[in-house]
Amino acid sequence: MKFFLQCLQLLPLLIIFSLESLLKLFIPKKRKSVTGEIVLITGAGHGIGRLTAYEFAKLKSKLVLWDINKHGIEDTAAECRRLGAKAHAFVVDCSNREDIYSSAKKVKAEIGDVSILVNNAGVVYTSDLFATQDPQIEKTFEVNILAHFWTTKAFLPVMMKNNHGHIVTVASAAGHTGVPFLLAYCSSKFAAVGFHRALTEELAALERTGIKTTCLCPNFINTGFIKNASTSLGPILEPEEVVDKLMDGILTEQKMIFIPSSISLLTVLERILPERFLAFLKRKIDIRFDAVVGYKTKGQ
């Protein structure tokens, strides 16, 4: 009862802050400058990571590009240089903690202190639990979430010292709702969303308010990782569209970016709607993609 009364006392603040948020929708957000910032992007050899690097290059940031694919990362670096930015390519296995830590030491020694970290590297296996091999499950977690811990531990201390920086977590809409035949991927992306939220709260508790955090949660993207994907939520997203929204979110310091924005509503509805209605709604959303199913029903 006491807690309920305390919540009622907060009602005026809720109204004020809600009106403030409503007004902000009509006021253009100021975009911060990233000129001269050292930006490290993992998984920059292709897809979202590569296009994000190009956008930072256009803004005259200094790029540190990590990927396991030597050819891909060198191509990205070459294009960033053509766009007028300084770019440094490193072949790094983001599933290997020691490789991350040793590469981080090289970056600090040879280039300087990273002030914007984009944890983008990711892997996905489209299969049910029984068809997903144990090493694939381990790899999914090593790249999709454990690497976030190792990169952040490596580069956050200087950001903390300067009270300046930005940690970007590339997660997924699958980090907010379960999807059949993406069990390992969903689990790792739920962890990535949790990492972002807990890190945000921890930085606030430590009064490091100059360090910003952003989490990207898109629907299916046309990058070739998931074959023949479709959903009634709308067409499959093109990488350029996603990167445009990601960059806008980083530059305006948004904490959470949903693409499309309707996903944010679905995450709320999932917490309040009856379970049977949710099952009906998910059938209407009709998520489909090619997957390997190892489980066989009786008679098969």
C-alpha atoms as a PDB file:
ATOM      1  CA  MET A   1       0.000   0.000   0.000  1.00  0.00           C
ATOM      2  CA  LYS A   2       2.843   2.369   0.887  1.00  0.00           C
ATOM      3  CA  PHE A   3       4.486   1.747  -2.493  1.00  0.00           C
ATOM      4  CA  PHE A   4       1.173   2.454  -4.282  1.00  0.00           C
ATOM      5  CA  LEU A   5       0.836   5.795  -2.469  1.00  0.00           C
ATOM      6  CA  GLN A   6       4.411   6.699  -3.361  1.00  0.00           C
ATOM      7  CA  CYS A   7       3.629   5.982  -7.012  1.00  0.00           C
ATOM      8  CA  LEU A   8       0.589   8.280  -6.843  1.00  0.00           C
ATOM      9  CA  GLN A   9       2.840  11.080  -5.584  1.00  0.00           C
ATOM     10  CA  LEU A  10       4.899  10.690  -8.754  1.00  0.00           C
ATOM     11  CA  LEU A  11       1.858  11.262 -10.987  1.00  0.00           C
ATOM     12  CA  PRO A  12       2.530  15.016 -11.497  1.00  0.00           C
ATOM     13  CA  LEU A  13       6.088  14.219 -12.627  1.00  0.00           C
ATOM     14  CA  LEU A  14       4.736  11.597 -15.034  1.00  0.00           C
ATOM     15  CA  ILE A  15       2.433  14.174 -16.620  1.00  0.00           C
ATOM     16  CA  ILE A  16       5.196  16.794 -16.890  1.00  0.00           C
ATOM     17  CA  PHE A  17       7.743  14.399 -18.389  1.00  0.00           C
ATOM     18  CA  SER A  18       5.159  12.934 -20.782  1.00  0.00           C
ATOM     19  CA  LEU A  19       4.326  16.423 -22.077  1.00  0.00           C
ATOM     20  CA  GLU A  20       8.037  17.168 -22.401  1.00  0.00           C
ATOM     21  CA  SER A  21       8.559  14.008 -24.484  1.00  0.00           C
ATOM     22  CA  LEU A  22       5.576  14.918 -26.671  1.00  0.00           C
ATOM     23  CA  LEU A  23       6.971  18.396 -27.335  1.00  0.00           C
ATOM     24  CA  LYS A  24      10.360  16.960 -28.268  1.00  0.00           C
ATOM     25  CA  LEU A  25       8.712  15.057 -31.113  1.00  0.00           C
ATOM     26  CA  PHE A  26       8.162  18.377 -32.879  1.00  0.00           C
ATOM     27  CA  ILE A  27      11.583  19.878 -32.144  1.00  0.00           C
ATOM     28  CA  PRO A  28      14.488  18.810 -34.408  1.00  0.00           C
ATOM     29  CA  LYS A  29      17.173  17.082 -32.364  1.00  0.00           C
ATOM     30  CA  LYS A  30      20.654  18.562 -32.433  1.00  0.00           C
ATOM     31  CA  ARG A  31      23.202  16.252 -34.082  1.00  0.00           C
ATOM     32  CA  LYS A  32      26.579  16.047 -32.372  1.00  0.00           C
ATOM     33  CA  SER A  33      29.879  16.338 -34.212  1.00  0.00           C
ATOM     34  CA  VAL A  34      32.041  13.223 -34.522  1.00  0.00           C
ATOM     35  CA  THR A  35      34.829  14.881 -36.495  1.00  0.00           C
ATOM     36  CA  GLY A  36      38.186  13.602 -35.252  1.00  0.00           C
ATOM     37  CA  GLU A  37      36.630  10.974 -32.955  1.00  0.00           C
ATOM     38  CA  ILE A  38      38.278   7.549 -33.081  1.00  0.00           C
ATOM     39  CA  VAL A  39      35.490   5.143 -34.026  1.00  0.00           C
ATOM     40  CA  LEU A  40      35.973   1.384 -33.744  1.00  0.00           C
ATOM     41  CA  ILE A  41      33.489  -0.810 -35.599  1.00  0.00           C
ATOM     42  CA  THR A  42      33.466  -4.603 -35.284  1.00  0.00           C
ATOM     43  CA  GLY A  43      32.216  -6.659 -38.205  1.00  0.00           C
ATOM     44  CA  ALA A  44      33.100  -3.812 -40.570  1.00  0.00           C
ATOM     45  CA  GLY A  45      34.042  -6.028 -43.502  1.00  0.00           C
ATOM     46  CA  HIS A  46      30.514  -6.203 -44.907  1.00  0.00           C
ATOM     47  CA  GLY A  47      26.866  -5.245 -44.437  1.00  0.00           C
ATOM     48  CA  ILE A  48      25.789  -2.861 -41.677  1.00  0.00           C
ATOM     49  CA  GLY A  49      29.332  -2.507 -40.294  1.00  0.00           C
ATOM     50  CA  ARG A  50      30.776  -1.524 -43.670  1.00  0.00           C
ATOM     51  CA  LEU A  51      28.050   1.025 -44.448  1.00  0.00           C
ATOM     52  CA  THR A  52      28.325   2.496 -40.944  1.00  0.00           C
ATOM     53  CA  ALA A  53      32.055   2.949 -41.490  1.00  0.00           C
ATOM     54  CA  TYR A  54      31.359   4.827 -44.727  1.00  0.00           C
ATOM     55  CA  GLU A  55      28.992   7.211 -42.929  1.00  0.00           C
ATOM     56  CA  PHE A  56      31.519   7.958 -40.184  1.00  0.00           C
ATOM     57  CA  ALA A  57      34.176   8.461 -42.876  1.00  0.00           C
ATOM     58  CA  LYS A  58      31.985  11.121 -44.522  1.00  0.00           C
ATOM     59  CA  LEU A  59      31.831  12.872 -41.136  1.00  0.00           C
ATOM     60  CA  LYS A  60      35.656  12.905 -40.905  1.00  0.00           C
ATOM     61  CA  SER A  61      35.993  10.474 -38.031  1.00  0.00           C
ATOM     62  CA  LYS A  62      39.121   8.339 -37.684  1.00  0.00           C
ATOM     63  CA  LEU A  63      38.139   4.713 -38.371  1.00  0.00           C
ATOM     64  CA  VAL A  64      39.396   1.550 -36.690  1.00  0.00           C
ATOM     65  CA  LEU A  65      37.850  -1.385 -38.535  1.00  0.00           C
ATOM     66  CA  TRP A  66      37.729  -4.952 -37.230  1.00  0.00           C
ATOM     67  CA  ASP A  67      36.614  -8.068 -39.069  1.00  0.00           C
ATOM     68  CA  ILE A  68      37.662 -11.695 -39.404  1.00  0.00           C
ATOM     69  CA  ASN A  69      37.619 -11.364 -43.212  1.00  0.00           C
ATOM     70  CA  LYS A  70      40.907  -9.786 -44.366  1.00  0.00           C
ATOM     71  CA  HIS A  71      39.735  -9.026 -47.911  1.00  0.00           C
ATOM     72  CA  GLY A  72      36.451  -7.515 -46.725  1.00  0.00           C
ATOM     73  CA  ILE A  73      37.996  -5.273 -44.076  1.00  0.00           C
ATOM     74  CA  GLU A  74      40.692  -3.993 -46.432  1.00  0.00           C
ATOM     75  CA  ASP A  75      38.054  -3.103 -49.035  1.00  0.00           C
ATOM     76  CA  THR A  76      36.082  -1.176 -46.406  1.00  0.00           C
ATOM     77  CA  ALA A  77      39.190   0.686 -45.254  1.00  0.00           C
ATOM     78  CA  ALA A  78      40.130   1.594 -48.834  1.00  0.00           C
ATOM     79  CA  GLU A  79      36.706   3.113 -49.487  1.00  0.00           C
ATOM     80  CA  CYS A  80      36.829   5.044 -46.188  1.00  0.00           C
ATOM     81  CA  ARG A  81      40.160   6.519 -47.258  1.00  0.00           C
ATOM     82  CA  ARG A  82      38.685   7.430 -50.635  1.00  0.00           C
ATOM     83  CA  LEU A  83      35.973   9.295 -48.730  1.00  0.00           C
ATOM     84  CA  GLY A  84      38.668  11.355 -47.018  1.00  0.00           C
ATOM     85  CA  ALA A  85      38.993   9.621 -43.659  1.00  0.00           C
ATOM     86  CA  LYS A  86      41.910   7.922 -41.959  1.00  0.00           C
ATOM     87  CA  ALA A  87      41.132   4.214 -41.689  1.00  0.00           C
ATOM     88  CA  HIS A  88      43.002   1.358 -40.027  1.00  0.00           C
ATOM     89  CA  ALA A  89      42.062  -2.256 -40.768  1.00  0.00           C
ATOM     90  CA  PHE A  90      42.616  -5.105 -38.303  1.00  0.00           C
ATOM     91  CA  VAL A  91      41.857  -8.788 -38.821  1.00  0.00           C
ATOM     92  CA  VAL A  92      40.236  -9.771 -35.528  1.00  0.00           C
ATOM     93  CA  ASP A  93      38.293 -12.868 -34.492  1.00  0.00           C
ATOM     94  CA  CYS A  94      35.541 -11.492 -32.260  1.00  0.00           C
ATOM     95  CA  SER A  95      34.813 -14.983 -30.943  1.00  0.00           C
ATOM     96  CA  ASN A  96      38.269 -15.013 -29.337  1.00  0.00           C
ATOM     97  CA  ARG A  97      38.688 -12.985 -26.136  1.00  0.00           C
ATOM     98  CA  GLU A  98      42.478 -12.943 -26.251  1.00  0.00           C
ATOM     99  CA  ASP A  99      42.460 -11.800 -29.880  1.00  0.00           C
ATOM    100  CA  ILE A 100      40.148  -8.938 -28.901  1.00  0.00           C
ATOM    101  CA  TYR A 101      42.334  -7.876 -25.971  1.00  0.00           C
ATOM    102  CA  SER A 102      45.602  -8.072 -27.934  1.00  0.00           C
ATOM    103  CA  SER A 103      44.093  -6.153 -30.868  1.00  0.00           C
ATOM    104  CA  ALA A 104      42.767  -3.528 -28.457  1.00  0.00           C
ATOM    105  CA  LYS A 105      46.302  -3.011 -27.106  1.00  0.00           C
ATOM    106  CA  LYS A 106      47.589  -2.497 -30.654  1.00  0.00           C
ATOM    107  CA  VAL A 107      44.859   0.066 -31.340  1.00  0.00           C
ATOM    108  CA  LYS A 108      45.706   2.047 -28.195  1.00  0.00           C
ATOM    109  CA  ALA A 109      49.440   1.947 -28.927  1.00  0.00           C
ATOM    110  CA  GLU A 110      49.317   2.672 -32.658  1.00  0.00           C
ATOM    111  CA  ILE A 111      46.237   4.878 -33.091  1.00  0.00           C
ATOM    112  CA  GLY A 112      44.951   6.253 -29.799  1.00  0.00           C
ATOM    113  CA  ASP A 113      41.971   6.083 -27.482  1.00  0.00           C
ATOM    114  CA  VAL A 114      38.688   4.889 -28.980  1.00  0.00           C
ATOM    115  CA  SER A 115      35.819   7.247 -28.089  1.00  0.00           C
ATOM    116  CA  ILE A 116      33.002   5.603 -30.105  1.00  0.00           C
ATOM    117  CA  LEU A 117      32.659   1.816 -30.005  1.00  0.00           C
ATOM    118  CA  VAL A 118      30.191   0.113 -32.360  1.00  0.00           C
ATOM    119  CA  ASN A 119      29.702  -3.530 -31.370  1.00  0.00           C
ATOM    120  CA  ASN A 120      28.273  -4.776 -34.651  1.00  0.00           C
ATOM    121  CA  ALA A 121      29.863  -8.181 -35.366  1.00  0.00           C
ATOM    122  CA  GLY A 122      27.324 -10.980 -35.337  1.00  0.00           C
ATOM    123  CA  VAL A 123      26.548 -14.502 -36.493  1.00  0.00           C
ATOM    124  CA  VAL A 124      23.245 -16.323 -37.007  1.00  0.00           C
ATOM    125  CA  TYR A 125      22.272 -19.947 -37.574  1.00  0.00           C
ATOM    126  CA  THR A 126      18.734 -20.576 -38.845  1.00  0.00           C
ATOM    127  CA  SER A 127      17.891 -23.953 -37.348  1.00  0.00           C
ATOM    128  CA  ASP A 128      15.943 -25.470 -34.507  1.00  0.00           C
ATOM    129  CA  LEU A 129      17.612 -26.495 -31.259  1.00  0.00           C
ATOM    130  CA  PHE A 130      18.328 -30.050 -32.417  1.00  0.00           C
ATOM    131  CA  ALA A 131      19.901 -29.033 -35.736  1.00  0.00           C
ATOM    132  CA  THR A 132      22.083 -26.326 -34.168  1.00  0.00           C
ATOM    133  CA  GLN A 133      25.475 -27.836 -33.354  1.00  0.00           C
ATOM    134  CA  ASP A 134      27.055 -27.166 -29.963  1.00  0.00           C
ATOM    135  CA  PRO A 135      29.988 -25.209 -31.485  1.00  0.00           C
ATOM    136  CA  GLN A 136      27.464 -23.045 -33.384  1.00  0.00           C
ATOM    137  CA  ILE A 137      25.650 -22.197 -30.141  1.00  0.00           C
ATOM    138  CA  GLU A 138      28.954 -21.328 -28.479  1.00  0.00           C
ATOM    139  CA  LYS A 139      30.034 -19.202 -31.453  1.00  0.00           C
ATOM    140  CA  THR A 140      26.728 -17.332 -31.426  1.00  0.00           C
ATOM    141  CA  PHE A 141      27.225 -16.262 -27.824  1.00  0.00           C
ATOM    142  CA  GLU A 142      30.947 -15.581 -28.203  1.00  0.00           C
ATOM    143  CA  VAL A 143      30.394 -13.146 -31.077  1.00  0.00           C
ATOM    144  CA  ASN A 144      26.924 -11.737 -30.385  1.00  0.00           C
ATOM    145  CA  ILE A 145      27.335 -10.904 -26.706  1.00  0.00           C
ATOM    146  CA  LEU A 146      30.580 -11.989 -25.009  1.00  0.00           C
ATOM    147  CA  ALA A 147      32.598  -9.899 -27.480  1.00  0.00           C
ATOM    148  CA  HIS A 148      30.627  -6.858 -26.284  1.00  0.00           C
ATOM    149  CA  PHE A 149      31.960  -7.420 -22.782  1.00  0.00           C
ATOM    150  CA  TRP A 150      35.567  -7.788 -23.937  1.00  0.00           C
ATOM    151  CA  THR A 151      35.575  -4.753 -26.274  1.00  0.00           C
ATOM    152  CA  THR A 152      33.797  -2.579 -23.714  1.00  0.00           C
ATOM    153  CA  LYS A 153      36.176  -3.617 -20.920  1.00  0.00           C
ATOM    154  CA  ALA A 154      39.084  -2.775 -23.222  1.00  0.00           C
ATOM    155  CA  PHE A 155      37.960   0.695 -24.327  1.00  0.00           C
ATOM    156  CA  LEU A 156      35.577   1.981 -21.647  1.00  0.00           C
ATOM    157  CA  PRO A 157      38.191   2.898 -18.973  1.00  0.00           C
ATOM    158  CA  VAL A 158      39.528   5.892 -20.945  1.00  0.00           C
ATOM    159  CA  MET A 159      35.962   6.979 -21.751  1.00  0.00           C
ATOM    160  CA  MET A 160      35.238   6.819 -17.997  1.00  0.00           C
ATOM    161  CA  LYS A 161      38.341   8.880 -17.243  1.00  0.00           C
ATOM    162  CA  ASN A 162      37.351  11.552 -19.767  1.00  0.00           C
ATOM    163  CA  ASN A 163      33.599  11.233 -19.121  1.00  0.00           C
ATOM    164  CA  HIS A 164      33.227  11.201 -22.900  1.00  0.00           C
ATOM    165  CA  GLY A 165      32.339   8.425 -25.303  1.00  0.00           C
ATOM    166  CA  HIS A 166      29.619   6.368 -26.932  1.00  0.00           C
ATOM    167  CA  ILE A 167      28.926   2.619 -26.801  1.00  0.00           C
ATOM    168  CA  VAL A 168      26.710   1.334 -29.615  1.00  0.00           C
ATOM    169  CA  THR A 169      25.111  -2.118 -29.374  1.00  0.00           C
ATOM    170  CA  VAL A 170      23.808  -3.623 -32.604  1.00  0.00           C
ATOM    171  CA  ALA A 171      21.134  -6.028 -31.363  1.00  0.00           C
ATOM    172  CA  SER A 172      17.887  -7.046 -33.105  1.00  0.00           C
ATOM    173  CA  ALA A 173      14.116  -7.082 -32.816  1.00  0.00           C
ATOM    174  CA  ALA A 174      14.804 -10.739 -31.964  1.00  0.00           C
ATOM    175  CA  GLY A 175      16.280  -9.411 -28.718  1.00  0.00           C
ATOM    176  CA  HIS A 176      12.756  -8.477 -27.597  1.00  0.00           C
ATOM    177  CA  THR A 177      10.619 -11.402 -28.785  1.00  0.00           C
ATOM    178  CA  GLY A 178      11.202 -15.086 -29.427  1.00  0.00           C
ATOM    179  CA  VAL A 179      11.330 -16.418 -32.995  1.00  0.00           C
ATOM    180  CA  PRO A 180      11.165 -20.152 -33.814  1.00  0.00           C
ATOM    181  CA  PHE A 181      14.320 -21.599 -35.423  1.00  0.00           C
ATOM    182  CA  LEU A 182      16.418 -18.679 -34.175  1.00  0.00           C
ATOM    183  CA  LEU A 183      16.778 -19.961 -30.630  1.00  0.00           C
ATOM    184  CA  ALA A 184      20.501 -19.327 -30.168  1.00  0.00           C
ATOM    185  CA  TYR A 185      20.354 -16.010 -32.030  1.00  0.00           C
ATOM    186  CA  CYS A 186      17.346 -14.714 -30.060  1.00  0.00           C
ATOM    187  CA  SER A 187      18.946 -15.736 -26.774  1.00  0.00           C
ATOM    188  CA  SER A 188      22.175 -13.911 -27.625  1.00  0.00           C
ATOM    189  CA  LYS A 189      20.311 -10.784 -28.766  1.00  0.00           C
ATOM    190  CA  PHE A 190      18.170 -10.745 -25.609  1.00  0.00           C
ATOM    191  CA  ALA A 191      21.512 -10.734 -23.788  1.00  0.00           C
ATOM    192  CA  ALA A 192      22.780  -7.875 -25.976  1.00  0.00           C
ATOM    193  CA  VAL A 193      19.704  -5.766 -25.192  1.00  0.00           C
ATOM    194  CA  GLY A 194      20.179  -6.556 -21.500  1.00  0.00           C
ATOM    195  CA  PHE A 195      23.850  -5.601 -21.755  1.00  0.00           C
ATOM    196  CA  HIS A 196      22.901  -2.227 -23.250  1.00  0.00           C
ATOM    197  CA  ARG A 197      20.260  -1.498 -20.624  1.00  0.00           C
ATOM    198  CA  ALA A 198      22.380  -2.573 -17.654  1.00  0.00           C
ATOM    199  CA  LEU A 199      25.437  -0.696 -18.942  1.00  0.00           C
ATOM    200  CA  THR A 200      23.320   2.434 -19.378  1.00  0.00           C
ATOM    201  CA  GLU A 201      22.119   2.181 -15.783  1.00  0.00           C
ATOM    202  CA  GLU A 202      25.615   1.430 -14.478  1.00  0.00           C
ATOM    203  CA  LEU A 203      27.109   4.486 -16.187  1.00  0.00           C
ATOM    204  CA  ALA A 204      24.348   6.635 -14.676  1.00  0.00           C
ATOM    205  CA  ALA A 205      24.981   5.156 -11.206  1.00  0.00           C
ATOM    206  CA  LEU A 206      28.701   5.965 -11.594  1.00  0.00           C
ATOM    207  CA  GLU A 207      27.797   9.510 -12.745  1.00  0.00           C
ATOM    208  CA  ARG A 208      29.523   9.068 -16.115  1.00  0.00           C
ATOM    209  CA  THR A 209      26.752  10.942 -17.934  1.00  0.00           C
ATOM    210  CA  GLY A 210      29.106  12.035 -20.716  1.00  0.00           C
ATOM    211  CA  ILE A 211      29.244   8.464 -22.013  1.00  0.00           C
ATOM    212  CA  LYS A 212      26.235   7.770 -24.223  1.00  0.00           C
ATOM    213  CA  THR A 213      24.710   4.423 -25.171  1.00  0.00           C
ATOM    214  CA  THR A 214      22.632   3.411 -28.175  1.00  0.00           C
ATOM    215  CA  CYS A 215      21.022   0.069 -29.044  1.00  0.00           C
ATOM    216  CA  LEU A 216      19.834  -0.813 -32.568  1.00  0.00           C
ATOM    217  CA  CYS A 217      16.959  -3.314 -32.881  1.00  0.00           C
ATOM    218  CA  PRO A 218      15.936  -3.852 -36.516  1.00  0.00           C
ATOM    219  CA  ASN A 219      13.669  -6.386 -38.153  1.00  0.00           C
ATOM    220  CA  PHE A 220      15.073  -8.682 -40.887  1.00  0.00           C
ATOM    221  CA  ILE A 221      17.732  -6.953 -43.021  1.00  0.00           C
ATOM    222  CA  ASN A 222      18.585  -7.877 -46.586  1.00  0.00           C
ATOM    223  CA  THR A 223      22.205  -8.846 -45.913  1.00  0.00           C
ATOM    224  CA  GLY A 224      22.005 -12.475 -47.050  1.00  0.00           C
ATOM    225  CA  PHE A 225      22.454 -14.059 -43.622  1.00  0.00           C
ATOM    226  CA  ILE A 226      18.825 -15.207 -43.379  1.00  0.00           C
ATOM    227  CA  LYS A 227      17.462 -16.680 -46.621  1.00  0.00           C
ATOM    228  CA  ASN A 228      13.997 -15.874 -48.032  1.00  0.00           C
ATOM    229  CA  ALA A 229      12.828 -13.957 -44.957  1.00  0.00           C
ATOM    230  CA  SER A 230       9.364 -12.401 -44.956  1.00  0.00           C
ATOM    231  CA  THR A 231       6.908 -10.918 -42.453  1.00  0.00           C
ATOM    232  CA  SER A 232       3.613  -9.053 -42.545  1.00  0.00           C
ATOM    233  CA  LEU A 233       5.255  -6.200 -40.592  1.00  0.00           C
ATOM    234  CA  GLY A 234       6.526  -4.841 -43.903  1.00  0.00           C
ATOM    235  CA  PRO A 235       9.194  -5.427 -46.530  1.00  0.00           C
ATOM    236  CA  ILE A 236      12.617  -6.730 -45.558  1.00  0.00           C
ATOM    237  CA  LEU A 237      14.817  -3.788 -44.597  1.00  0.00           C
ATOM    238  CA  GLU A 238      17.591  -2.607 -46.872  1.00  0.00           C
ATOM    239  CA  PRO A 239      20.972  -2.067 -45.156  1.00  0.00           C
ATOM    240  CA  GLU A 240      21.156   1.583 -46.292  1.00  0.00           C
ATOM    241  CA  GLU A 241      17.854   2.392 -44.581  1.00  0.00           C
ATOM    242  CA  VAL A 242      18.998   0.759 -41.342  1.00  0.00           C
ATOM    243  CA  VAL A 243      22.341   2.579 -41.336  1.00  0.00           C
ATOM    244  CA  ASP A 244      20.636   5.931 -41.980  1.00  0.00           C
ATOM    245  CA  LYS A 245      18.504   5.434 -38.873  1.00  0.00           C
ATOM    246  CA  LEU A 246      21.440   4.084 -36.871  1.00  0.00           C
ATOM    247  CA  MET A 247      23.585   7.116 -37.665  1.00  0.00           C
ATOM    248  CA  ASP A 248      20.742   9.488 -36.841  1.00  0.00           C
ATOM    249  CA  GLY A 249      20.292   7.661 -33.535  1.00  0.00           C
ATOM    250  CA  ILE A 250      23.987   7.870 -32.684  1.00  0.00           C
ATOM    251  CA  LEU A 251      24.314  11.531 -33.613  1.00  0.00           C
ATOM    252  CA  THR A 252      21.182  12.501 -31.662  1.00  0.00           C
ATOM    253  CA  GLU A 253      22.107  10.146 -28.787  1.00  0.00           C
ATOM    254  CA  GLN A 254      18.990   7.982 -28.852  1.00  0.00           C
ATOM    255  CA  LYS A 255      19.098   5.107 -26.404  1.00  0.00           C
ATOM    256  CA  MET A 256      16.945   2.615 -28.329  1.00  0.00           C
ATOM    257  CA  ILE A 257      16.284   2.463 -32.081  1.00  0.00           C
ATOM    258  CA  PHE A 258      13.536   0.173 -33.389  1.00  0.00           C
ATOM    259  CA  ILE A 259      13.244  -0.388 -37.153  1.00  0.00           C
ATOM    260  CA  PRO A 260      10.432  -0.269 -38.076  1.00  0.00           C
ATOM    261  CA  SER A 261       9.179   1.807 -35.167  1.00  0.00           C
ATOM    262  CA  SER A 262       6.084  -0.425 -34.857  1.00  0.00           C
ATOM    263  CA  ILE A 263       8.287  -3.024 -33.160  1.00  0.00           C
ATOM    264  CA  SER A 264       8.433  -0.798 -30.067  1.00  0.00           C
ATOM    265  CA  LEU A 265       4.628  -1.041 -29.795  1.00  0.00           C
ATOM    266  CA  LEU A 266       4.742  -4.815 -30.194  1.00  0.00           C
ATOM    267  CA  THR A 267       7.246  -5.121 -27.343  1.00  0.00           C
ATOM    268  CA  VAL A 268       4.784  -3.286 -25.071  1.00  0.00           C
ATOM    269  CA  LEU A 269       1.786  -5.306 -26.251  1.00  0.00           C
ATOM    270  CA  GLU A 270       3.637  -8.562 -25.595  1.00  0.00           C
ATOM    271  CA  ARG A 271       3.761  -7.658 -21.900  1.00  0.00           C
ATOM    272  CA  ILE A 272       0.075  -6.768 -21.474  1.00  0.00           C
ATOM    273  CA  LEU A 273      -1.984  -8.803 -23.977  1.00  0.00           C
ATOM    274  CA  PRO A 274      -3.486 -12.207 -23.122  1.00  0.00           C
ATOM    275  CA  GLU A 275      -1.327 -15.151 -24.144  1.00  0.00           C
ATOM    276  CA  ARG A 276      -3.906 -16.651 -26.512  1.00  0.00           C
ATOM    277  CA  PHE A 277      -4.352 -13.340 -28.317  1.00  0.00           C
ATOM    278  CA  LEU A 278      -0.577 -12.995 -28.626  1.00  0.00           C
ATOM    279  CA  ALA A 279      -0.408 -16.430 -30.260  1.00  0.00           C
ATOM    280  CA  PHE A 280      -3.053 -15.292 -32.775  1.00  0.00           C
ATOM    281  CA  LEU A 281      -1.206 -12.012 -33.380  1.00  0.00           C
ATOM    282  CA  LYS A 282       2.088 -13.813 -34.041  1.00  0.00           C
ATOM    283  CA  ARG A 283       0.391 -16.019 -36.605  1.00  0.00           C
ATOM    284  CA  LYS A 284      -0.815 -12.859 -38.343  1.00  0.00           C
ATOM    285  CA  ILE A 285       2.693 -11.383 -38.313  1.00  0.00           C
ATOM    286  CA  ASP A 286       3.686 -14.587 -40.155  1.00  0.00           C
ATOM    287  CA  ILE A 287       7.490 -14.638 -39.855  1.00  0.00           C
ATOM    288  CA  ARG A 288       9.040 -16.979 -42.410  1.00  0.00           C
ATOM    289  CA  PHE A 289      12.549 -17.874 -43.585  1.00  0.00           C
ATOM    290  CA  ASP A 290      14.535 -20.909 -44.675  1.00  0.00           C
ATOM    291  CA  ALA A 291      15.594 -23.031 -41.705  1.00  0.00           C
ATOM    292  CA  VAL A 292      17.008 -26.466 -40.936  1.00  0.00           C
ATOM    293  CA  VAL A 293      14.733 -28.500 -38.648  1.00  0.00           C
ATOM    294  CA  GLY A 294      16.381 -31.425 -36.933  1.00  0.00           C
ATOM    295  CA  TYR A 295      13.406 -32.561 -34.865  1.00  0.00           C
ATOM    296  CA  LYS A 296      11.244 -35.179 -36.509  1.00  0.00           C
ATOM    297  CA  THR A 297       7.679 -35.921 -35.409  1.00  0.00           C
ATOM    298  CA  LYS A 298       6.454 -39.497 -35.065  1.00  0.00           C
ATOM    299  CA  GLY A 299       5.902 -41.216 -38.374  1.00  0.00           C
ATOM    300  CA  GLN A 300       8.492 -39.153 -40.230  1.00  0.00           C
END
